[in-house]
């Protein structure tokens, strides 16, 4: 009976990990399956500044000149634009997916000492082990 409760808790933890909004999500089209990434933005101004900075860095890379910047972002310099693009590239990396993968492995392997193991499930497994020791 206790193992059934543990399995339900594992399934609950795994579904919580799978339903988190960040990371890559698969979308099915009529012919293809695509993966989409979510990038958090504070507001429309943040979104516009990041896209503009990305385009400016691309133009600078193609043009080879270091003095180009848009009139709407004239208060920012070239270094700020490059930093913004690098930050966006780092945000696009699949860190969340790797964290989810580590959580799933910890749950399936019952690695209670791992830092990614859920506390509720850890307590349930510990109480189950204590109960088995008392019965033996």
N, C-alpha and C. Protein backbone atom coordinates (compact mmCIF):
# COMPACT_ATOMS: atom_id res chain seq x y z
N UNK A 1 0.83 -1.19 0.00
CA UNK A 1 0.00 0.00 0.00
C UNK A 1 0.87 1.26 0.00
N UNK A 2 1.99 1.19 0.74
CA UNK A 2 2.87 2.33 0.84
C UNK A 2 3.57 2.59 -0.49
N UNK A 3 3.92 1.53 -1.23
CA UNK A 3 4.59 1.71 -2.53
C UNK A 3 3.65 2.37 -3.53
N UNK A 4 2.36 2.10 -3.45
CA UNK A 4 1.39 2.73 -4.34
C UNK A 4 1.36 4.24 -4.09
N UNK A 5 1.44 4.63 -2.82
CA UNK A 5 1.45 6.04 -2.47
C UNK A 5 2.74 6.70 -2.96
N UNK A 6 3.86 5.99 -2.86
CA UNK A 6 5.14 6.50 -3.35
C UNK A 6 5.10 6.69 -4.86
N UNK A 7 4.55 5.70 -5.58
CA UNK A 7 4.46 5.80 -7.03
C UNK A 7 3.56 6.95 -7.46
N UNK A 8 2.48 7.19 -6.72
CA UNK A 8 1.60 8.32 -7.04
C UNK A 8 2.33 9.64 -6.82
N UNK A 9 3.13 9.72 -5.76
CA UNK A 9 3.89 10.94 -5.48
C UNK A 9 4.96 11.16 -6.55
N UNK A 10 5.63 10.07 -7.00
CA UNK A 10 6.60 10.19 -8.08
C UNK A 10 5.94 10.72 -9.35
N UNK A 11 4.78 10.16 -9.69
CA UNK A 11 4.07 10.57 -10.89
C UNK A 11 3.65 12.03 -10.79
N UNK A 12 3.24 12.45 -9.61
CA UNK A 12 2.85 13.85 -9.41
C UNK A 12 4.05 14.78 -9.60
N UNK A 13 5.21 14.40 -9.07
CA UNK A 13 6.42 15.20 -9.22
C UNK A 13 6.86 15.27 -10.68
N UNK A 14 6.81 14.14 -11.38
CA UNK A 14 7.21 14.10 -12.79
C UNK A 14 6.29 14.95 -13.66
N UNK A 15 4.98 14.91 -13.40
CA UNK A 15 4.05 15.71 -14.19
C UNK A 15 4.22 17.19 -13.91
N UNK A 16 4.59 17.54 -12.68
CA UNK A 16 4.84 18.95 -12.34
C UNK A 16 6.06 19.46 -13.11
N UNK A 17 7.10 18.63 -13.21
CA UNK A 17 8.30 19.00 -13.95
C UNK A 17 7.97 19.16 -15.44
N UNK A 18 7.20 18.24 -15.98
CA UNK A 18 6.89 18.26 -17.41
C UNK A 18 6.00 19.42 -17.80
N UNK A 19 5.18 19.92 -16.89
CA UNK A 19 4.23 20.98 -17.21
C UNK A 19 4.77 22.38 -16.93
N UNK A 20 6.04 22.51 -16.58
CA UNK A 20 6.58 23.85 -16.33
C UNK A 20 6.68 24.60 -17.66
N UNK A 21 6.48 25.93 -17.64
CA UNK A 21 6.38 26.69 -18.89
C UNK A 21 7.69 26.96 -19.61
N UNK A 22 8.83 26.82 -18.96
CA UNK A 22 10.11 27.16 -19.58
C UNK A 22 10.71 25.98 -20.32
N UNK A 23 11.68 26.27 -21.16
CA UNK A 23 12.39 25.23 -21.88
C UNK A 23 11.80 24.99 -23.27
N UNK A 24 12.25 23.95 -23.92
CA UNK A 24 11.77 23.62 -25.26
C UNK A 24 10.45 22.87 -25.19
N UNK A 25 9.53 23.26 -26.06
CA UNK A 25 8.24 22.59 -26.16
C UNK A 25 8.06 22.11 -27.59
N UNK A 26 7.54 20.89 -27.74
CA UNK A 26 7.32 20.35 -29.08
C UNK A 26 5.94 20.76 -29.57
N UNK A 27 5.90 21.17 -30.84
CA UNK A 27 4.65 21.53 -31.49
C UNK A 27 4.52 20.71 -32.76
N UNK A 28 3.37 20.10 -32.93
CA UNK A 28 3.12 19.24 -34.08
C UNK A 28 2.45 20.06 -35.18
N UNK A 29 3.02 20.00 -36.37
CA UNK A 29 2.43 20.60 -37.55
C UNK A 29 1.88 19.47 -38.40
N UNK A 30 1.26 19.77 -39.50
CA UNK A 30 0.71 18.73 -40.36
C UNK A 30 1.78 17.75 -40.82
N UNK A 31 2.96 18.25 -41.10
CA UNK A 31 4.02 17.38 -41.62
C UNK A 31 5.22 17.25 -40.69
N UNK A 32 5.47 18.25 -39.86
CA UNK A 32 6.71 18.29 -39.09
C UNK A 32 6.42 18.50 -37.61
N UNK A 33 7.42 18.14 -36.81
CA UNK A 33 7.40 18.45 -35.38
C UNK A 33 8.50 19.47 -35.11
N UNK A 34 8.12 20.61 -34.53
CA UNK A 34 9.06 21.68 -34.24
C UNK A 34 9.22 21.81 -32.74
N UNK A 35 10.38 22.30 -32.32
CA UNK A 35 10.61 22.63 -30.92
C UNK A 35 10.67 24.14 -30.80
N UNK A 36 9.92 24.68 -29.87
CA UNK A 36 9.93 26.12 -29.65
C UNK A 36 10.49 26.42 -28.27
N UNK A 37 11.20 27.52 -28.16
CA UNK A 37 11.78 27.95 -26.90
C UNK A 37 11.05 29.19 -26.41
N UNK A 38 10.86 29.30 -25.10
CA UNK A 38 10.24 30.49 -24.54
C UNK A 38 11.32 31.37 -23.93
N UNK A 39 11.22 32.65 -24.20
CA UNK A 39 12.16 33.63 -23.67
C UNK A 39 11.36 34.65 -22.87
N UNK A 40 11.68 34.86 -21.59
CA UNK A 40 10.91 35.82 -20.79
C UNK A 40 11.28 37.26 -21.13
N UNK A 41 10.27 38.12 -21.25
CA UNK A 41 10.45 39.55 -21.45
C UNK A 41 9.65 40.29 -20.39
N UNK A 42 10.19 41.41 -19.91
CA UNK A 42 9.49 42.20 -18.90
C UNK A 42 8.27 42.89 -19.49
N UNK A 43 8.44 43.53 -20.62
CA UNK A 43 7.35 44.23 -21.28
C UNK A 43 7.70 44.40 -22.75
N UNK A 44 6.86 45.15 -23.47
CA UNK A 44 7.09 45.33 -24.90
C UNK A 44 8.36 46.13 -25.18
N UNK A 45 8.70 47.06 -24.31
CA UNK A 45 9.92 47.84 -24.48
C UNK A 45 11.15 46.96 -24.36
N UNK A 46 11.13 46.04 -23.40
CA UNK A 46 12.24 45.10 -23.23
C UNK A 46 12.36 44.20 -24.46
N UNK A 47 11.24 43.73 -24.95
CA UNK A 47 11.23 42.88 -26.14
C UNK A 47 11.79 43.65 -27.34
N UNK A 48 11.32 44.89 -27.54
CA UNK A 48 11.78 45.70 -28.66
C UNK A 48 13.27 46.01 -28.56
N UNK A 49 13.74 46.31 -27.37
CA UNK A 49 15.17 46.63 -27.23
C UNK A 49 16.04 45.41 -27.48
N UNK A 50 15.59 44.22 -27.06
CA UNK A 50 16.39 43.02 -27.31
C UNK A 50 16.43 42.66 -28.80
N UNK A 51 15.30 42.77 -29.46
CA UNK A 51 15.27 42.47 -30.89
C UNK A 51 16.08 43.50 -31.66
N UNK A 52 15.95 44.77 -31.31
CA UNK A 52 16.72 45.82 -31.98
C UNK A 52 18.22 45.62 -31.78
N UNK A 53 18.60 45.26 -30.55
CA UNK A 53 20.02 45.02 -30.28
C UNK A 53 20.54 43.83 -31.07
N UNK A 54 19.75 42.80 -31.19
CA UNK A 54 20.15 41.64 -31.99
C UNK A 54 20.36 42.03 -33.44
N UNK A 55 19.44 42.80 -33.98
CA UNK A 55 19.57 43.23 -35.37
C UNK A 55 20.77 44.15 -35.55
N UNK A 56 21.02 45.03 -34.59
CA UNK A 56 22.16 45.94 -34.70
C UNK A 56 23.48 45.18 -34.64
N UNK A 57 23.56 44.19 -33.79
CA UNK A 57 24.79 43.39 -33.72
C UNK A 57 25.00 42.63 -35.03
N UNK A 58 23.93 42.14 -35.60
CA UNK A 58 24.05 41.45 -36.89
C UNK A 58 24.54 42.41 -37.97
N UNK A 59 23.98 43.61 -38.00
CA UNK A 59 24.41 44.60 -38.99
C UNK A 59 25.86 44.99 -38.75
N UNK A 60 26.24 45.17 -37.49
CA UNK A 60 27.64 45.51 -37.18
C UNK A 60 28.59 44.40 -37.62
N UNK A 61 28.18 43.17 -37.39
CA UNK A 61 29.04 42.05 -37.77
C UNK A 61 29.20 41.98 -39.29
N UNK A 62 28.12 42.24 -40.01
CA UNK A 62 28.20 42.20 -41.46
C UNK A 62 28.89 43.43 -42.04
N UNK A 63 28.67 44.57 -41.43
CA UNK A 63 29.20 45.83 -41.94
C UNK A 63 30.66 46.04 -41.56
N UNK A 64 31.04 45.58 -40.37
CA UNK A 64 32.42 45.73 -39.93
C UNK A 64 32.71 47.07 -39.31
N UNK A 65 31.68 47.88 -39.09
CA UNK A 65 31.87 49.18 -38.46
C UNK A 65 31.32 49.14 -37.05
N UNK A 66 31.95 49.89 -36.15
CA UNK A 66 31.54 49.86 -34.77
C UNK A 66 30.75 51.06 -34.31
N UNK A 67 30.23 51.87 -35.23
CA UNK A 67 29.56 53.10 -34.81
C UNK A 67 28.06 53.09 -35.08
N UNK A 68 27.50 51.99 -35.54
CA UNK A 68 26.07 51.96 -35.88
C UNK A 68 25.22 51.72 -34.64
N UNK A 69 24.19 52.52 -34.48
CA UNK A 69 23.16 52.27 -33.48
C UNK A 69 21.90 53.04 -33.89
N UNK A 70 20.75 52.55 -33.46
CA UNK A 70 19.50 53.13 -33.90
C UNK A 70 19.21 54.44 -33.17
N UNK A 71 18.35 55.26 -33.76
CA UNK A 71 18.00 56.54 -33.15
C UNK A 71 17.12 56.34 -31.92
N UNK A 72 16.33 55.27 -31.88
CA UNK A 72 15.47 55.04 -30.72
C UNK A 72 16.25 54.59 -29.51
N UNK A 73 17.43 54.04 -29.71
CA UNK A 73 18.26 53.59 -28.60
C UNK A 73 19.55 54.39 -28.53
N UNK A 74 19.49 55.69 -28.81
CA UNK A 74 20.71 56.49 -28.85
C UNK A 74 21.34 56.68 -27.48
N UNK A 75 20.62 56.38 -26.40
CA UNK A 75 21.19 56.49 -25.06
C UNK A 75 22.05 55.28 -24.71
N UNK A 76 22.03 54.24 -25.56
CA UNK A 76 22.84 53.05 -25.31
C UNK A 76 24.03 53.03 -26.26
N UNK A 77 25.11 52.45 -25.79
CA UNK A 77 26.29 52.36 -26.64
C UNK A 77 26.40 50.96 -27.23
N UNK A 78 27.44 50.76 -28.02
CA UNK A 78 27.64 49.49 -28.70
C UNK A 78 27.82 48.33 -27.72
N UNK A 79 28.57 48.57 -26.65
CA UNK A 79 28.82 47.50 -25.67
C UNK A 79 27.51 47.01 -25.04
N UNK A 80 26.59 47.93 -24.78
CA UNK A 80 25.30 47.54 -24.21
C UNK A 80 24.53 46.65 -25.16
N UNK A 81 24.56 46.97 -26.44
CA UNK A 81 23.85 46.15 -27.44
C UNK A 81 24.45 44.75 -27.53
N UNK A 82 25.78 44.67 -27.52
CA UNK A 82 26.43 43.36 -27.60
C UNK A 82 26.12 42.54 -26.35
N UNK A 83 26.14 43.17 -25.17
CA UNK A 83 25.82 42.47 -23.93
C UNK A 83 24.38 41.96 -23.95
N UNK A 84 23.48 42.76 -24.49
CA UNK A 84 22.07 42.34 -24.56
C UNK A 84 21.91 41.10 -25.44
N UNK A 85 22.61 41.09 -26.57
CA UNK A 85 22.52 39.92 -27.46
C UNK A 85 23.12 38.69 -26.79
N UNK A 86 24.24 38.86 -26.11
CA UNK A 86 24.84 37.72 -25.41
C UNK A 86 23.94 37.21 -24.29
N UNK A 87 23.30 38.11 -23.56
CA UNK A 87 22.36 37.69 -22.51
C UNK A 87 21.20 36.91 -23.11
N UNK A 88 20.69 37.38 -24.25
CA UNK A 88 19.59 36.70 -24.89
C UNK A 88 20.02 35.30 -25.38
N UNK A 89 21.23 35.22 -25.90
CA UNK A 89 21.72 33.91 -26.35
C UNK A 89 21.86 32.95 -25.17
N UNK A 90 22.31 33.46 -24.02
CA UNK A 90 22.43 32.62 -22.83
C UNK A 90 21.04 32.18 -22.36
N UNK A 91 20.07 33.09 -22.42
CA UNK A 91 18.70 32.74 -22.03
C UNK A 91 18.09 31.69 -22.94
N UNK A 92 18.54 31.66 -24.20
CA UNK A 92 17.99 30.70 -25.15
C UNK A 92 18.58 29.31 -24.98
N UNK A 93 19.67 29.19 -24.24
CA UNK A 93 20.27 27.87 -24.04
C UNK A 93 19.37 27.01 -23.17
N UNK A 94 19.38 25.71 -23.36
CA UNK A 94 18.41 24.82 -22.68
C UNK A 94 18.78 24.46 -21.24
N UNK A 95 19.07 25.47 -20.40
CA UNK A 95 19.40 25.19 -19.00
C UNK A 95 18.22 24.56 -18.28
N UNK A 96 17.01 25.05 -18.56
CA UNK A 96 15.82 24.52 -17.89
C UNK A 96 15.59 23.06 -18.25
N UNK A 97 15.85 22.71 -19.51
CA UNK A 97 15.67 21.32 -19.92
C UNK A 97 16.66 20.40 -19.20
N UNK A 98 17.89 20.86 -19.03
CA UNK A 98 18.87 20.03 -18.33
C UNK A 98 18.50 19.88 -16.85
N UNK A 99 17.98 20.95 -16.25
CA UNK A 99 17.54 20.89 -14.86
C UNK A 99 16.38 19.91 -14.72
N UNK A 100 15.43 19.94 -15.67
CA UNK A 100 14.31 19.00 -15.66
C UNK A 100 14.81 17.57 -15.78
N UNK A 101 15.77 17.35 -16.67
CA UNK A 101 16.33 16.02 -16.87
C UNK A 101 16.97 15.49 -15.60
N UNK A 102 17.72 16.35 -14.90
CA UNK A 102 18.35 15.95 -13.64
C UNK A 102 17.30 15.63 -12.58
N UNK A 103 16.20 16.39 -12.54
CA UNK A 103 15.13 16.11 -11.59
C UNK A 103 14.48 14.76 -11.89
N UNK A 104 14.21 14.49 -13.15
CA UNK A 104 13.58 13.23 -13.54
C UNK A 104 14.48 12.05 -13.18
N UNK A 105 15.77 12.16 -13.48
CA UNK A 105 16.70 11.08 -13.13
C UNK A 105 16.76 10.85 -11.63
N UNK A 106 16.77 11.92 -10.84
CA UNK A 106 16.83 11.77 -9.39
C UNK A 106 15.59 11.05 -8.87
N UNK A 107 14.42 11.36 -9.43
CA UNK A 107 13.17 10.72 -8.98
C UNK A 107 13.15 9.26 -9.39
N UNK A 108 13.50 8.96 -10.63
CA UNK A 108 13.44 7.58 -11.10
C UNK A 108 14.49 6.69 -10.43
N UNK A 109 15.65 7.25 -10.11
CA UNK A 109 16.70 6.47 -9.45
C UNK A 109 16.56 6.49 -7.94
N UNK A 110 15.58 7.23 -7.43
CA UNK A 110 15.35 7.38 -5.99
C UNK A 110 16.62 7.85 -5.29
N UNK A 111 17.27 8.85 -5.88
CA UNK A 111 18.49 9.44 -5.33
C UNK A 111 18.09 10.50 -4.31
N UNK A 112 17.81 10.07 -3.10
CA UNK A 112 17.31 11.00 -2.08
C UNK A 112 18.38 11.97 -1.61
N UNK A 113 19.64 11.68 -1.85
CA UNK A 113 20.71 12.57 -1.44
C UNK A 113 20.97 13.67 -2.47
N UNK A 114 20.41 13.53 -3.65
CA UNK A 114 20.61 14.53 -4.70
C UNK A 114 19.88 15.83 -4.38
N UNK A 115 20.42 16.92 -4.89
CA UNK A 115 19.82 18.24 -4.60
C UNK A 115 18.53 18.46 -5.38
N UNK A 116 18.27 17.66 -6.40
CA UNK A 116 17.09 17.85 -7.24
C UNK A 116 15.92 16.97 -6.82
N UNK A 117 16.07 16.24 -5.74
CA UNK A 117 15.02 15.31 -5.32
C UNK A 117 13.96 16.08 -4.52
N UNK A 118 12.65 15.90 -4.84
CA UNK A 118 11.59 16.63 -4.14
C UNK A 118 11.50 16.23 -2.66
N UNK A 119 11.26 17.20 -1.79
CA UNK A 119 11.25 16.97 -0.34
C UNK A 119 10.10 16.06 0.09
N UNK A 120 8.91 16.25 -0.50
CA UNK A 120 7.76 15.43 -0.12
C UNK A 120 8.03 13.95 -0.38
N UNK A 121 8.57 13.68 -1.55
CA UNK A 121 8.86 12.30 -1.92
C UNK A 121 9.98 11.74 -1.05
N UNK A 122 10.95 12.58 -0.68
CA UNK A 122 12.04 12.14 0.19
C UNK A 122 11.50 11.71 1.55
N UNK A 123 10.58 12.50 2.11
CA UNK A 123 9.99 12.16 3.41
C UNK A 123 9.18 10.88 3.32
N UNK A 124 8.44 10.72 2.22
CA UNK A 124 7.62 9.52 2.04
C UNK A 124 8.48 8.27 1.92
N UNK A 125 9.57 8.35 1.18
CA UNK A 125 10.47 7.20 1.04
C UNK A 125 11.15 6.87 2.37
N UNK A 126 11.52 7.90 3.12
CA UNK A 126 12.17 7.69 4.41
C UNK A 126 11.21 7.03 5.39
N UNK A 127 9.95 7.48 5.42
CA UNK A 127 8.98 6.85 6.33
C UNK A 127 8.70 5.41 5.92
N UNK A 128 8.70 5.14 4.63
CA UNK A 128 8.49 3.77 4.14
C UNK A 128 9.66 2.88 4.54
N UNK A 129 10.89 3.40 4.45
CA UNK A 129 12.07 2.61 4.85
C UNK A 129 12.07 2.35 6.35
N UNK A 130 11.67 3.36 7.13
CA UNK A 130 11.59 3.19 8.59
C UNK A 130 10.54 2.15 8.95
N UNK A 131 9.43 2.15 8.25
CA UNK A 131 8.36 1.19 8.49
C UNK A 131 8.82 -0.23 8.17
N UNK A 132 9.59 -0.39 7.09
CA UNK A 132 10.12 -1.71 6.73
C UNK A 132 11.10 -2.20 7.78
N UNK A 133 11.92 -1.31 8.33
CA UNK A 133 12.89 -1.71 9.36
C UNK A 133 12.16 -2.14 10.63
N UNK A 134 11.08 -1.49 10.96
CA UNK A 134 10.32 -1.86 12.18
C UNK A 134 9.67 -3.23 12.01
N UNK A 135 9.21 -3.54 10.81
CA UNK A 135 8.55 -4.82 10.55
C UNK A 135 9.55 -5.97 10.46
N UNK A 136 10.79 -5.68 10.15
CA UNK A 136 11.78 -6.74 10.00
C UNK A 136 12.40 -7.17 11.28
